[in-house]
Amino acid sequence: MTFSASIFHLLGLLAPALGLAVLLWLGLMLRRRQRKVTSQPARQLGWLVLVGVVVLMAGLAFFGRDAKMATYAALVVAQGTLAWRFRGG
């Protein structure tokens, strides 16, 4: 496998975590704008991405393969719970 192919493969593996993190973060930004809450949005995005990557890697290690629905369900629960925690500021 070439270097560029392995990079694209890794990005494809991490795309669900990155995509969901950005969507949740945008929702937090919208809520924050309405409530005038001051916090650290870049740090929150970083935590959302980190939790998502850890869940995807744990699912890969546990199931031995990528793209299992249980892993994606755990991803939604983990990142959603963290975003719910961040909602207050």
N, C-alpha and C. Protein backbone atom coordinates (compact mmCIF):
# COMPACT_ATOMS: atom_id res chain seq x y z
N MET A 1 0.85 -1.16 0.00
CA MET A 1 0.00 0.00 0.00
C MET A 1 0.90 1.23 0.00
N THR A 2 0.59 2.15 -0.86
CA THR A 2 1.39 3.38 -0.94
C THR A 2 1.07 4.30 0.24
N PHE A 3 1.93 5.29 0.43
CA PHE A 3 1.74 6.23 1.53
C PHE A 3 0.43 6.99 1.38
N SER A 4 0.15 7.47 0.18
CA SER A 4 -1.10 8.23 -0.02
C SER A 4 -2.33 7.34 0.18
N ALA A 5 -2.25 6.10 -0.24
CA ALA A 5 -3.38 5.18 -0.03
C ALA A 5 -3.60 4.91 1.45
N SER A 6 -2.52 4.77 2.20
CA SER A 6 -2.68 4.54 3.63
C SER A 6 -3.22 5.78 4.35
N ILE A 7 -2.85 6.97 3.89
CA ILE A 7 -3.40 8.20 4.47
C ILE A 7 -4.91 8.28 4.19
N PHE A 8 -5.32 8.00 2.96
CA PHE A 8 -6.75 8.02 2.63
C PHE A 8 -7.51 6.95 3.41
N HIS A 9 -6.90 5.80 3.62
CA HIS A 9 -7.53 4.74 4.39
C HIS A 9 -7.73 5.18 5.85
N LEU A 10 -6.71 5.82 6.42
CA LEU A 10 -6.81 6.32 7.79
C LEU A 10 -7.86 7.42 7.90
N LEU A 11 -7.91 8.31 6.93
CA LEU A 11 -8.94 9.36 6.94
C LEU A 11 -10.34 8.77 6.81
N GLY A 12 -10.48 7.73 6.01
CA GLY A 12 -11.77 7.06 5.88
C GLY A 12 -12.19 6.39 7.18
N LEU A 13 -11.22 5.87 7.92
CA LEU A 13 -11.51 5.26 9.20
C LEU A 13 -11.97 6.30 10.21
N LEU A 14 -11.34 7.47 10.20
CA LEU A 14 -11.63 8.50 11.19
C LEU A 14 -12.73 9.47 10.78
N ALA A 15 -13.21 9.39 9.56
CA ALA A 15 -14.22 10.33 9.06
C ALA A 15 -15.50 10.37 9.91
N PRO A 16 -16.04 9.24 10.36
CA PRO A 16 -17.25 9.34 11.20
C PRO A 16 -17.02 10.13 12.49
N ALA A 17 -15.88 9.92 13.12
CA ALA A 17 -15.58 10.65 14.36
C ALA A 17 -15.42 12.14 14.09
N LEU A 18 -14.73 12.47 13.02
CA LEU A 18 -14.52 13.87 12.69
C LEU A 18 -15.82 14.55 12.28
N GLY A 19 -16.60 13.87 11.46
CA GLY A 19 -17.86 14.45 10.99
C GLY A 19 -18.85 14.69 12.11
N LEU A 20 -19.03 13.70 12.98
CA LEU A 20 -19.96 13.85 14.09
C LEU A 20 -19.47 14.91 15.07
N ALA A 21 -18.16 14.97 15.30
CA ALA A 21 -17.62 15.98 16.21
C ALA A 21 -17.90 17.38 15.68
N VAL A 22 -17.71 17.59 14.39
CA VAL A 22 -17.95 18.91 13.82
C VAL A 22 -19.44 19.27 13.88
N LEU A 23 -20.32 18.32 13.59
CA LEU A 23 -21.76 18.61 13.67
C LEU A 23 -22.19 18.95 15.09
N LEU A 24 -21.73 18.20 16.07
CA LEU A 24 -22.07 18.49 17.45
C LEU A 24 -21.48 19.82 17.89
N TRP A 25 -20.27 20.11 17.47
CA TRP A 25 -19.61 21.36 17.82
C TRP A 25 -20.36 22.55 17.22
N LEU A 26 -20.83 22.42 15.98
CA LEU A 26 -21.61 23.50 15.38
C LEU A 26 -22.91 23.72 16.14
N GLY A 27 -23.53 22.65 16.60
CA GLY A 27 -24.72 22.79 17.43
C GLY A 27 -24.42 23.50 18.74
N LEU A 28 -23.27 23.19 19.33
CA LEU A 28 -22.87 23.88 20.54
C LEU A 28 -22.61 25.36 20.28
N MET A 29 -22.02 25.68 19.13
CA MET A 29 -21.75 27.08 18.79
C MET A 29 -23.07 27.85 18.60
N LEU A 30 -24.04 27.21 17.99
CA LEU A 30 -25.34 27.86 17.80
C LEU A 30 -26.01 28.12 19.15
N ARG A 31 -25.95 27.15 20.02
CA ARG A 31 -26.54 27.32 21.36
C ARG A 31 -25.78 28.38 22.14
N ARG A 32 -24.46 28.39 22.00
CA ARG A 32 -23.64 29.34 22.72
C ARG A 32 -23.94 30.77 22.28
N ARG A 33 -24.18 30.95 21.00
CA ARG A 33 -24.49 32.27 20.48
C ARG A 33 -25.80 32.79 21.07
N GLN A 34 -26.76 31.90 21.26
CA GLN A 34 -28.06 32.30 21.81
C GLN A 34 -27.96 32.63 23.29
N ARG A 35 -27.07 31.96 24.02
CA ARG A 35 -27.00 32.13 25.47
C ARG A 35 -25.88 33.05 25.91
N LYS A 36 -25.03 33.50 25.00
CA LYS A 36 -23.91 34.38 25.32
C LYS A 36 -22.97 33.75 26.36
N VAL A 37 -22.65 32.49 26.17
CA VAL A 37 -21.77 31.77 27.08
C VAL A 37 -20.34 31.90 26.59
N THR A 38 -19.43 32.17 27.49
CA THR A 38 -18.02 32.24 27.12
C THR A 38 -17.34 30.96 27.57
N SER A 39 -16.65 30.31 26.66
CA SER A 39 -15.90 29.09 26.97
C SER A 39 -14.81 28.94 25.93
N GLN A 40 -14.26 27.77 25.83
CA GLN A 40 -13.16 27.50 24.90
C GLN A 40 -13.63 26.55 23.81
N PRO A 41 -14.16 27.08 22.71
CA PRO A 41 -14.73 26.21 21.69
C PRO A 41 -13.72 25.31 20.99
N ALA A 42 -12.50 25.78 20.79
CA ALA A 42 -11.49 24.95 20.12
C ALA A 42 -11.14 23.74 20.98
N ARG A 43 -11.07 23.94 22.27
CA ARG A 43 -10.77 22.83 23.18
C ARG A 43 -11.91 21.82 23.18
N GLN A 44 -13.14 22.30 23.12
CA GLN A 44 -14.28 21.40 23.08
C GLN A 44 -14.28 20.56 21.80
N LEU A 45 -13.97 21.18 20.68
CA LEU A 45 -13.88 20.42 19.43
C LEU A 45 -12.78 19.38 19.52
N GLY A 46 -11.66 19.74 20.10
CA GLY A 46 -10.57 18.78 20.27
C GLY A 46 -10.97 17.59 21.12
N TRP A 47 -11.68 17.84 22.20
CA TRP A 47 -12.14 16.74 23.06
C TRP A 47 -13.15 15.86 22.33
N LEU A 48 -14.05 16.47 21.56
CA LEU A 48 -15.02 15.67 20.82
C LEU A 48 -14.33 14.77 19.80
N VAL A 49 -13.34 15.30 19.11
CA VAL A 49 -12.61 14.50 18.13
C VAL A 49 -11.83 13.39 18.83
N LEU A 50 -11.16 13.74 19.92
CA LEU A 50 -10.37 12.75 20.65
C LEU A 50 -11.23 11.59 21.15
N VAL A 51 -12.37 11.89 21.74
CA VAL A 51 -13.27 10.84 22.23
C VAL A 51 -13.74 9.97 21.06
N GLY A 52 -14.07 10.60 19.94
CA GLY A 52 -14.51 9.84 18.78
C GLY A 52 -13.44 8.90 18.25
N VAL A 53 -12.22 9.38 18.17
CA VAL A 53 -11.12 8.54 17.68
C VAL A 53 -10.86 7.38 18.64
N VAL A 54 -10.91 7.65 19.93
CA VAL A 54 -10.69 6.57 20.92
C VAL A 54 -11.79 5.51 20.80
N VAL A 55 -13.02 5.92 20.62
CA VAL A 55 -14.12 4.95 20.48
C VAL A 55 -13.94 4.12 19.20
N LEU A 56 -13.58 4.77 18.11
CA LEU A 56 -13.38 4.02 16.86
C LEU A 56 -12.22 3.04 16.97
N MET A 57 -11.14 3.45 17.62
CA MET A 57 -9.99 2.54 17.78
C MET A 57 -10.33 1.39 18.73
N ALA A 58 -11.13 1.67 19.77
CA ALA A 58 -11.55 0.60 20.68
C ALA A 58 -12.45 -0.39 19.95
N GLY A 59 -13.34 0.13 19.10
CA GLY A 59 -14.20 -0.77 18.32
C GLY A 59 -13.40 -1.61 17.34
N LEU A 60 -12.38 -1.02 16.74
CA LEU A 60 -11.51 -1.77 15.83
C LEU A 60 -10.75 -2.85 16.58
N ALA A 61 -10.27 -2.53 17.76
CA ALA A 61 -9.53 -3.52 18.55
C ALA A 61 -10.45 -4.63 19.06
N PHE A 62 -11.65 -4.26 19.49
CA PHE A 62 -12.57 -5.25 20.07
C PHE A 62 -13.14 -6.18 19.00
N PHE A 63 -13.61 -5.61 17.88
CA PHE A 63 -14.25 -6.43 16.85
C PHE A 63 -13.27 -6.98 15.82
N GLY A 64 -12.09 -6.38 15.73
CA GLY A 64 -11.11 -6.85 14.77
C GLY A 64 -11.35 -6.35 13.36
N ARG A 65 -12.32 -5.46 13.18
CA ARG A 65 -12.58 -4.87 11.88
C ARG A 65 -13.30 -3.55 12.06
N ASP A 66 -13.32 -2.79 10.99
CA ASP A 66 -13.92 -1.46 11.01
C ASP A 66 -15.37 -1.55 10.56
N ALA A 67 -16.12 -0.49 10.82
CA ALA A 67 -17.48 -0.29 10.30
C ALA A 67 -18.51 -1.25 10.88
N LYS A 68 -18.43 -1.51 12.16
CA LYS A 68 -19.48 -2.27 12.83
C LYS A 68 -20.49 -1.27 13.39
N MET A 69 -21.76 -1.59 13.30
CA MET A 69 -22.80 -0.67 13.76
C MET A 69 -22.72 -0.44 15.27
N ALA A 70 -22.27 -1.42 16.02
CA ALA A 70 -22.13 -1.24 17.46
C ALA A 70 -21.07 -0.17 17.76
N THR A 71 -20.01 -0.12 16.97
CA THR A 71 -18.99 0.90 17.16
C THR A 71 -19.56 2.28 16.86
N TYR A 72 -20.35 2.38 15.80
CA TYR A 72 -20.95 3.67 15.46
C TYR A 72 -21.97 4.10 16.50
N ALA A 73 -22.69 3.15 17.07
CA ALA A 73 -23.63 3.49 18.14
C ALA A 73 -22.88 3.99 19.37
N ALA A 74 -21.78 3.34 19.70
CA ALA A 74 -20.96 3.79 20.82
C ALA A 74 -20.37 5.16 20.55
N LEU A 75 -20.02 5.42 19.30
CA LEU A 75 -19.49 6.73 18.92
C LEU A 75 -20.53 7.82 19.15
N VAL A 76 -21.75 7.58 18.74
CA VAL A 76 -22.82 8.57 18.92
C VAL A 76 -23.10 8.78 20.41
N VAL A 77 -23.13 7.72 21.17
CA VAL A 77 -23.40 7.85 22.61
C VAL A 77 -22.27 8.61 23.30
N ALA A 78 -21.03 8.26 23.00
CA ALA A 78 -19.89 8.90 23.67
C ALA A 78 -19.78 10.38 23.31
N GLN A 79 -19.83 10.69 22.02
CA GLN A 79 -19.70 12.09 21.62
C GLN A 79 -20.94 12.89 22.00
N GLY A 80 -22.10 12.29 21.92
CA GLY A 80 -23.32 12.98 22.31
C GLY A 80 -23.34 13.29 23.80
N THR A 81 -22.86 12.36 24.61
CA THR A 81 -22.79 12.60 26.04
C THR A 81 -21.81 13.72 26.37
N LEU A 82 -20.68 13.74 25.69
CA LEU A 82 -19.71 14.80 25.92
C LEU A 82 -20.25 16.15 25.48
N ALA A 83 -20.92 16.20 24.35
CA ALA A 83 -21.52 17.46 23.88
C ALA A 83 -22.61 17.91 24.85
N TRP A 84 -23.37 16.97 25.39
CA TRP A 84 -24.38 17.32 26.38
C TRP A 84 -23.73 17.92 27.62
N ARG A 85 -22.58 17.38 27.99
CA ARG A 85 -21.84 17.91 29.14
C ARG A 85 -21.31 19.32 28.85
N PHE A 86 -20.89 19.56 27.62
CA PHE A 86 -20.37 20.87 27.23
C PHE A 86 -21.45 21.93 27.04
N ARG A 87 -22.69 21.53 26.95
CA ARG A 87 -23.75 22.46 26.57
C ARG A 87 -23.91 23.64 27.52
N GLY A 88 -23.55 23.45 28.78
CA GLY A 88 -23.71 24.51 29.75
C GLY A 88 -22.61 25.55 29.71
N GLY A 89 -21.53 25.26 29.03
CA GLY A 89 -20.44 26.22 28.97
C GLY A 89 -19.29 25.71 29.71
